[in-house]
PDB file of all heavy atoms in Angstrom:
ATOM      1  N   ASN A   1       3.505  16.409  -3.571  1.00  0.00           N
ATOM      2  CA  ASN A   1       3.633  17.849  -3.639  1.00  0.00           C
ATOM      3  C   ASN A   1       2.570  18.526  -2.837  1.00  0.00           C
ATOM      4  O   ASN A   1       1.551  17.926  -2.517  1.00  0.00           O
ATOM      5  CB  ASN A   1       3.593  18.357  -5.060  1.00  0.00           C
ATOM      6  CG  ASN A   1       4.743  17.858  -5.903  1.00  0.00           C
ATOM      7  OD1 ASN A   1       5.831  17.637  -5.425  1.00  0.00           O
ATOM      8  ND2 ASN A   1       4.521  17.714  -7.226  1.00  0.00           N
ATOM      9  N   SER A   2       2.803  19.760  -2.502  1.00  0.00           N
ATOM     10  CA  SER A   2       1.838  20.586  -1.762  1.00  0.00           C
ATOM     11  C   SER A   2       1.308  19.878  -0.553  1.00  0.00           C
ATOM     12  O   SER A   2       0.074  19.712  -0.264  1.00  0.00           O
ATOM     13  CB  SER A   2       0.657  20.961  -2.689  1.00  0.00           C
ATOM     14  OG  SER A   2       1.133  21.701  -3.777  1.00  0.00           O
ATOM     15  N   LEU A   3       2.242  19.290   0.220  1.00  0.00           N
ATOM     16  CA  LEU A   3       1.890  18.450   1.354  1.00  0.00           C
ATOM     17  C   LEU A   3       1.091  19.192   2.440  1.00  0.00           C
ATOM     18  O   LEU A   3       1.367  20.381   2.718  1.00  0.00           O
ATOM     19  CB  LEU A   3       3.120  17.850   1.963  1.00  0.00           C
ATOM     20  CG  LEU A   3       3.630  16.658   1.105  1.00  0.00           C
ATOM     21  CD1 LEU A   3       5.075  16.347   1.416  1.00  0.00           C
ATOM     22  CD2 LEU A   3       2.779  15.417   1.324  1.00  0.00           C
ATOM     23  N   LYS A   4       0.160  18.521   3.008  1.00  0.00           N
ATOM     24  CA  LYS A   4      -0.699  19.037   4.077  1.00  0.00           C
ATOM     25  C   LYS A   4      -0.481  18.188   5.368  1.00  0.00           C
ATOM     26  O   LYS A   4      -0.088  17.015   5.274  1.00  0.00           O
ATOM     27  CB  LYS A   4      -2.137  18.933   3.695  1.00  0.00           C
ATOM     28  CG  LYS A   4      -2.528  19.565   2.361  1.00  0.00           C
ATOM     29  CD  LYS A   4      -3.962  19.225   2.031  1.00  0.00           C
ATOM     30  CE  LYS A   4      -4.407  19.837   0.727  1.00  0.00           C
ATOM     31  NZ  LYS A   4      -5.807  19.484   0.377  1.00  0.00           N
ATOM     32  N   PRO A   5      -0.735  18.728   6.500  1.00  0.00           N
ATOM     33  CA  PRO A   5      -0.672  17.885   7.721  1.00  0.00           C
ATOM     34  C   PRO A   5      -1.521  16.648   7.666  1.00  0.00           C
ATOM     35  O   PRO A   5      -1.069  15.610   8.226  1.00  0.00           O
ATOM     36  CB  PRO A   5      -1.167  18.872   8.820  1.00  0.00           C
ATOM     37  CG  PRO A   5      -0.737  20.198   8.295  1.00  0.00           C
ATOM     38  CD  PRO A   5      -1.015  20.153   6.813  1.00  0.00           C
ATOM     39  N   SER A   6      -2.583  16.669   6.970  1.00  0.00           N
ATOM     40  CA  SER A   6      -3.464  15.494   6.912  1.00  0.00           C
ATOM     41  C   SER A   6      -2.814  14.397   6.010  1.00  0.00           C
ATOM     42  O   SER A   6      -3.288  13.276   5.984  1.00  0.00           O
ATOM     43  CB  SER A   6      -4.828  15.817   6.320  1.00  0.00           C
ATOM     44  OG  SER A   6      -4.724  16.458   4.990  1.00  0.00           O
ATOM     45  N   ASP A   7      -1.707  14.672   5.362  1.00  0.00           N
ATOM     46  CA  ASP A   7      -0.960  13.624   4.625  1.00  0.00           C
ATOM     47  C   ASP A   7      -0.033  12.896   5.516  1.00  0.00           C
ATOM     48  O   ASP A   7       0.605  11.918   5.086  1.00  0.00           O
ATOM     49  CB  ASP A   7      -0.126  14.294   3.501  1.00  0.00           C
ATOM     50  CG  ASP A   7      -1.006  14.928   2.450  1.00  0.00           C
ATOM     51  OD1 ASP A   7      -2.017  14.354   2.019  1.00  0.00           O
ATOM     52  OD2 ASP A   7      -0.607  16.029   1.948  1.00  0.00           O
ATOM     53  N   THR A   8       0.073  13.296   6.764  1.00  0.00           N
ATOM     54  CA  THR A   8       0.953  12.521   7.667  1.00  0.00           C
ATOM     55  C   THR A   8       0.498  11.139   7.806  1.00  0.00           C
ATOM     56  O   THR A   8      -0.665  10.857   8.190  1.00  0.00           O
ATOM     57  CB  THR A   8       0.955  13.295   9.059  1.00  0.00           C
ATOM     58  OG1 THR A   8       1.543  14.569   8.893  1.00  0.00           O
ATOM     59  CG2 THR A   8       1.727  12.498  10.058  1.00  0.00           C
ATOM     60  N   ALA A   9       1.346  10.188   7.572  1.00  0.00           N
ATOM     61  CA  ALA A   9       1.015   8.784   7.586  1.00  0.00           C
ATOM     62  C   ALA A   9       2.250   7.936   7.279  1.00  0.00           C
ATOM     63  O   ALA A   9       3.290   8.451   6.860  1.00  0.00           O
ATOM     64  CB  ALA A   9      -0.038   8.471   6.512  1.00  0.00           C
ATOM     65  N   VAL A  10       2.114   6.644   7.495  1.00  0.00           N
ATOM     66  CA  VAL A  10       3.055   5.684   6.993  1.00  0.00           C
ATOM     67  C   VAL A  10       2.577   5.249   5.589  1.00  0.00           C
ATOM     68  O   VAL A  10       1.447   4.880   5.453  1.00  0.00           O
ATOM     69  CB  VAL A  10       3.238   4.442   7.901  1.00  0.00           C
ATOM     70  CG1 VAL A  10       4.187   3.449   7.333  1.00  0.00           C
ATOM     71  CG2 VAL A  10       3.662   4.895   9.295  1.00  0.00           C
ATOM     72  N   TYR A  11       3.442   5.386   4.687  1.00  0.00           N
ATOM     73  CA  TYR A  11       3.119   5.065   3.311  1.00  0.00           C
ATOM     74  C   TYR A  11       3.746   3.714   2.917  1.00  0.00           C
ATOM     75  O   TYR A  11       4.886   3.439   3.178  1.00  0.00           O
ATOM     76  CB  TYR A  11       3.656   6.174   2.342  1.00  0.00           C
ATOM     77  CG  TYR A  11       2.896   7.407   2.418  1.00  0.00           C
ATOM     78  CD1 TYR A  11       2.919   8.213   3.520  1.00  0.00           C
ATOM     79  CD2 TYR A  11       2.033   7.768   1.298  1.00  0.00           C
ATOM     80  CE1 TYR A  11       2.146   9.415   3.566  1.00  0.00           C
ATOM     81  CE2 TYR A  11       1.237   8.953   1.363  1.00  0.00           C
ATOM     82  CZ  TYR A  11       1.309   9.749   2.519  1.00  0.00           C
ATOM     83  OH  TYR A  11       0.574  10.867   2.515  1.00  0.00           O
ATOM     84  N   TYR A  12       2.900   2.924   2.237  1.00  0.00           N
ATOM     85  CA  TYR A  12       3.243   1.577   1.810  1.00  0.00           C
ATOM     86  C   TYR A  12       3.027   1.337   0.307  1.00  0.00           C
ATOM     87  O   TYR A  12       1.985   1.800  -0.178  1.00  0.00           O
ATOM     88  CB  TYR A  12       2.377   0.518   2.526  1.00  0.00           C
ATOM     89  CG  TYR A  12       2.414   0.551   4.057  1.00  0.00           C
ATOM     90  CD1 TYR A  12       1.504   1.370   4.751  1.00  0.00           C
ATOM     91  CD2 TYR A  12       3.253  -0.273   4.769  1.00  0.00           C
ATOM     92  CE1 TYR A  12       1.517   1.364   6.141  1.00  0.00           C
ATOM     93  CE2 TYR A  12       3.245  -0.240   6.146  1.00  0.00           C
ATOM     94  CZ  TYR A  12       2.414   0.539   6.855  1.00  0.00           C
ATOM     95  OH  TYR A  12       2.397   0.603   8.183  1.00  0.00           O
ATOM     96  N   CYS A  13       3.941   0.619  -0.298  1.00  0.00           N
ATOM     97  CA  CYS A  13       3.661   0.199  -1.621  1.00  0.00           C
ATOM     98  C   CYS A  13       3.115  -1.209  -1.537  1.00  0.00           C
ATOM     99  O   CYS A  13       3.363  -1.982  -0.622  1.00  0.00           O
ATOM    100  CB  CYS A  13       4.824   0.285  -2.624  1.00  0.00           C
ATOM    101  SG  CYS A  13       6.263  -0.706  -2.145  1.00  0.00           S
ATOM    102  N   TYR A  14       2.340  -1.597  -2.535  1.00  0.00           N
ATOM    103  CA  TYR A  14       1.669  -2.886  -2.512  1.00  0.00           C
ATOM    104  C   TYR A  14       1.185  -3.174  -3.925  1.00  0.00           C
ATOM    105  O   TYR A  14       1.179  -2.324  -4.773  1.00  0.00           O
ATOM    106  CB  TYR A  14       0.445  -2.743  -1.561  1.00  0.00           C
ATOM    107  CG  TYR A  14      -0.271  -3.999  -1.234  1.00  0.00           C
ATOM    108  CD1 TYR A  14       0.335  -4.998  -0.436  1.00  0.00           C
ATOM    109  CD2 TYR A  14      -1.623  -4.204  -1.674  1.00  0.00           C
ATOM    110  CE1 TYR A  14      -0.377  -6.148  -0.086  1.00  0.00           C
ATOM    111  CE2 TYR A  14      -2.279  -5.376  -1.321  1.00  0.00           C
ATOM    112  CZ  TYR A  14      -1.664  -6.390  -0.544  1.00  0.00           C
ATOM    113  OH  TYR A  14      -2.313  -7.460  -0.166  1.00  0.00           O
ATOM    114  N   SER A  15       0.756  -4.417  -4.123  1.00  0.00           N
ATOM    115  CA  SER A  15       0.066  -4.773  -5.401  1.00  0.00           C
ATOM    116  C   SER A  15      -1.157  -5.643  -5.023  1.00  0.00           C
ATOM    117  O   SER A  15      -1.027  -6.823  -4.832  1.00  0.00           O
ATOM    118  CB  SER A  15       1.008  -5.541  -6.333  1.00  0.00           C
ATOM    119  OG  SER A  15       0.320  -5.891  -7.482  1.00  0.00           O
ATOM    120  N   LEU A  16      -2.280  -4.991  -5.003  1.00  0.00           N
ATOM    121  CA  LEU A  16      -3.520  -5.708  -4.766  1.00  0.00           C
ATOM    122  C   LEU A  16      -3.784  -6.667  -5.955  1.00  0.00           C
ATOM    123  O   LEU A  16      -4.293  -7.732  -5.770  1.00  0.00           O
ATOM    124  CB  LEU A  16      -4.732  -4.767  -4.634  1.00  0.00           C
ATOM    125  CG  LEU A  16      -6.056  -5.392  -4.305  1.00  0.00           C
ATOM    126  CD1 LEU A  16      -5.982  -6.199  -3.000  1.00  0.00           C
ATOM    127  CD2 LEU A  16      -7.130  -4.286  -4.226  1.00  0.00           C
ATOM    128  N   HIS A  17      -3.413  -6.205  -7.119  1.00  0.00           N
ATOM    129  CA  HIS A  17      -3.519  -7.052  -8.343  1.00  0.00           C
ATOM    130  C   HIS A  17      -2.798  -8.372  -8.134  1.00  0.00           C
ATOM    131  O   HIS A  17      -3.316  -9.450  -8.387  1.00  0.00           O
ATOM    132  CB  HIS A  17      -2.876  -6.218  -9.493  1.00  0.00           C
ATOM    133  CG  HIS A  17      -3.011  -6.836 -10.856  1.00  0.00           C
ATOM    134  ND1 HIS A  17      -2.263  -6.381 -11.882  1.00  0.00           N
ATOM    135  CD2 HIS A  17      -3.709  -7.877 -11.318  1.00  0.00           C
ATOM    136  CE1 HIS A  17      -2.512  -7.117 -12.941  1.00  0.00           C
ATOM    137  NE2 HIS A  17      -3.392  -8.046 -12.633  1.00  0.00           N
ATOM    138  N   ALA A  18      -1.497  -8.298  -7.738  1.00  0.00           N
ATOM    139  CA  ALA A  18      -0.774  -9.529  -7.519  1.00  0.00           C
ATOM    140  C   ALA A  18      -1.269 -10.365  -6.328  1.00  0.00           C
ATOM    141  O   ALA A  18      -1.326 -11.593  -6.450  1.00  0.00           O
ATOM    142  CB  ALA A  18       0.705  -9.200  -7.311  1.00  0.00           C
ATOM    143  N   ALA A  19      -1.613  -9.686  -5.249  1.00  0.00           N
ATOM    144  CA  ALA A  19      -2.095 -10.381  -4.101  1.00  0.00           C
ATOM    145  C   ALA A  19      -3.336 -11.203  -4.348  1.00  0.00           C
ATOM    146  O   ALA A  19      -3.452 -12.364  -3.911  1.00  0.00           O
ATOM    147  CB  ALA A  19      -2.353  -9.394  -2.917  1.00  0.00           C
ATOM    148  N   ARG A  20      -4.258 -10.625  -5.119  1.00  0.00           N
ATOM    149  CA  ARG A  20      -5.489 -11.364  -5.459  1.00  0.00           C
ATOM    150  C   ARG A  20      -5.288 -12.496  -6.395  1.00  0.00           C
ATOM    151  O   ARG A  20      -6.159 -13.376  -6.498  1.00  0.00           O
ATOM    152  CB  ARG A  20      -6.477 -10.324  -5.941  1.00  0.00           C
ATOM    153  CG  ARG A  20      -7.087  -9.482  -4.887  1.00  0.00           C
ATOM    154  CD  ARG A  20      -8.093  -8.502  -5.363  1.00  0.00           C
ATOM    155  NE  ARG A  20      -8.787  -7.847  -4.204  1.00  0.00           N
ATOM    156  CZ  ARG A  20      -9.594  -6.859  -4.346  1.00  0.00           C
ATOM    157  NH1 ARG A  20      -9.868  -6.292  -5.474  1.00  0.00           N
ATOM    158  NH2 ARG A  20     -10.184  -6.373  -3.225  1.00  0.00           N
ATOM    159  N   ARG A  21      -4.147 -12.552  -7.017  1.00  0.00           N
ATOM    160  CA  ARG A  21      -3.784 -13.679  -7.911  1.00  0.00           C
ATOM    161  C   ARG A  21      -2.884 -14.679  -7.194  1.00  0.00           C
ATOM    162  O   ARG A  21      -2.360 -15.573  -7.807  1.00  0.00           O
ATOM    163  CB  ARG A  21      -3.162 -13.143  -9.194  1.00  0.00           C
ATOM    164  CG  ARG A  21      -4.244 -12.544 -10.101  1.00  0.00           C
ATOM    165  CD  ARG A  21      -3.674 -11.609 -11.177  1.00  0.00           C
ATOM    166  NE  ARG A  21      -4.704 -11.170 -12.067  1.00  0.00           N
ATOM    167  CZ  ARG A  21      -5.639 -10.299 -11.805  1.00  0.00           C
ATOM    168  NH1 ARG A  21      -5.693  -9.702 -10.593  1.00  0.00           N
ATOM    169  NH2 ARG A  21      -6.529  -9.915 -12.726  1.00  0.00           N
ATOM    170  N   GLY A  22      -2.676 -14.489  -5.902  1.00  0.00           N
ATOM    171  CA  GLY A  22      -2.000 -15.452  -5.119  1.00  0.00           C
ATOM    172  C   GLY A  22      -0.458 -15.362  -5.200  1.00  0.00           C
ATOM    173  O   GLY A  22       0.231 -16.316  -4.779  1.00  0.00           O
ATOM    174  N   VAL A  23       0.031 -14.265  -5.693  1.00  0.00           N
ATOM    175  CA  VAL A  23       1.524 -14.129  -5.796  1.00  0.00           C
ATOM    176  C   VAL A  23       2.118 -14.038  -4.369  1.00  0.00           C
ATOM    177  O   VAL A  23       3.280 -14.508  -4.180  1.00  0.00           O
ATOM    178  CB  VAL A  23       1.864 -12.885  -6.655  1.00  0.00           C
ATOM    179  CG1 VAL A  23       3.359 -12.629  -6.604  1.00  0.00           C
ATOM    180  CG2 VAL A  23       1.334 -13.071  -8.071  1.00  0.00           C
ATOM    181  N   PHE A  24       1.410 -13.443  -3.453  1.00  0.00           N
ATOM    182  CA  PHE A  24       1.845 -13.377  -2.051  1.00  0.00           C
ATOM    183  C   PHE A  24       0.543 -13.282  -1.214  1.00  0.00           C
ATOM    184  O   PHE A  24      -0.504 -12.954  -1.686  1.00  0.00           O
ATOM    185  CB  PHE A  24       2.795 -12.203  -1.781  1.00  0.00           C
ATOM    186  CG  PHE A  24       2.289 -10.858  -2.276  1.00  0.00           C
ATOM    187  CD1 PHE A  24       1.426 -10.124  -1.485  1.00  0.00           C
ATOM    188  CD2 PHE A  24       2.728 -10.373  -3.499  1.00  0.00           C
ATOM    189  CE1 PHE A  24       0.991  -8.894  -1.982  1.00  0.00           C
ATOM    190  CE2 PHE A  24       2.246  -9.128  -3.977  1.00  0.00           C
ATOM    191  CZ  PHE A  24       1.386  -8.440  -3.200  1.00  0.00           C
ATOM    192  N   PRO A  25       0.674 -13.586   0.121  1.00  0.00           N
ATOM    193  CA  PRO A  25      -0.489 -13.501   0.967  1.00  0.00           C
ATOM    194  C   PRO A  25      -0.998 -12.049   1.015  1.00  0.00           C
ATOM    195  O   PRO A  25      -0.237 -11.088   1.128  1.00  0.00           O
ATOM    196  CB  PRO A  25       0.058 -13.905   2.339  1.00  0.00           C
ATOM    197  CG  PRO A  25       1.235 -14.743   2.025  1.00  0.00           C
ATOM    198  CD  PRO A  25       1.862 -14.130   0.791  1.00  0.00           C
ATOM    199  N   GLN A  26      -2.311 -11.884   1.057  1.00  0.00           N
ATOM    200  CA  GLN A  26      -2.945 -10.581   1.029  1.00  0.00           C
ATOM    201  C   GLN A  26      -2.557  -9.731   2.242  1.00  0.00           C
ATOM    202  O   GLN A  26      -2.716  -8.526   2.213  1.00  0.00           O
ATOM    203  CB  GLN A  26      -4.445 -10.636   0.829  1.00  0.00           C
ATOM    204  CG  GLN A  26      -4.858 -11.056  -0.550  1.00  0.00           C
ATOM    205  CD  GLN A  26      -6.326 -10.802  -0.812  1.00  0.00           C
ATOM    206  OE1 GLN A  26      -7.007 -10.145  -0.062  1.00  0.00           O
ATOM    207  NE2 GLN A  26      -6.803 -11.374  -1.899  1.00  0.00           N
ATOM    208  N   ASP A  27      -2.239 -10.380   3.375  1.00  0.00           N
ATOM    209  CA  ASP A  27      -1.861  -9.633   4.526  1.00  0.00           C
ATOM    210  C   ASP A  27      -0.379  -9.330   4.633  1.00  0.00           C
ATOM    211  O   ASP A  27       0.093  -8.827   5.692  1.00  0.00           O
ATOM    212  CB  ASP A  27      -2.286 -10.384   5.799  1.00  0.00           C
ATOM    213  CG  ASP A  27      -1.640 -11.773   5.969  1.00  0.00           C
ATOM    214  OD1 ASP A  27      -0.887 -12.200   5.046  1.00  0.00           O
ATOM    215  OD2 ASP A  27      -1.848 -12.380   7.018  1.00  0.00           O
ATOM    216  N   TYR A  28       0.377  -9.481   3.575  1.00  0.00           N
ATOM    217  CA  TYR A  28       1.774  -9.146   3.583  1.00  0.00           C
ATOM    218  C   TYR A  28       1.933  -7.642   3.203  1.00  0.00           C
ATOM    219  O   TYR A  28       1.468  -7.199   2.176  1.00  0.00           O
ATOM    220  CB  TYR A  28       2.584  -9.959   2.584  1.00  0.00           C
ATOM    221  CG  TYR A  28       4.007  -9.457   2.561  1.00  0.00           C
ATOM    222  CD1 TYR A  28       4.953  -9.761   3.536  1.00  0.00           C
ATOM    223  CD2 TYR A  28       4.396  -8.587   1.523  1.00  0.00           C
ATOM    224  CE1 TYR A  28       6.191  -9.227   3.553  1.00  0.00           C
ATOM    225  CE2 TYR A  28       5.670  -8.074   1.514  1.00  0.00           C
ATOM    226  CZ  TYR A  28       6.602  -8.391   2.510  1.00  0.00           C
ATOM    227  OH  TYR A  28       7.861  -7.868   2.526  1.00  0.00           O
ATOM    228  N   TRP A  29       2.643  -6.954   4.069  1.00  0.00           N
ATOM    229  CA  TRP A  29       2.989  -5.563   3.841  1.00  0.00           C
ATOM    230  C   TRP A  29       4.429  -5.311   4.219  1.00  0.00           C
ATOM    231  O   TRP A  29       5.008  -5.972   5.102  1.00  0.00           O
ATOM    232  CB  TRP A  29       2.128  -4.627   4.636  1.00  0.00           C
ATOM    233  CG  TRP A  29       0.670  -4.722   4.277  1.00  0.00           C
ATOM    234  CD1 TRP A  29      -0.243  -5.604   4.698  1.00  0.00           C
ATOM    235  CD2 TRP A  29      -0.020  -3.847   3.361  1.00  0.00           C
ATOM    236  NE1 TRP A  29      -1.463  -5.371   4.122  1.00  0.00           N
ATOM    237  CE2 TRP A  29      -1.328  -4.368   3.261  1.00  0.00           C
ATOM    238  CE3 TRP A  29       0.358  -2.718   2.553  1.00  0.00           C
ATOM    239  CZ2 TRP A  29      -2.306  -3.718   2.474  1.00  0.00           C
ATOM    240  CZ3 TRP A  29      -0.569  -2.213   1.756  1.00  0.00           C
ATOM    241  CH2 TRP A  29      -1.913  -2.670   1.717  1.00  0.00           C
TER     242      TRP A  29
END
């Protein structure tokens, strides 16, 4: 909400929690 030009980006979901436990490679996006 209340978006600003500085919010312009590519947005990714991820799970650092899972990556650090070896569920998938940490460089996977």
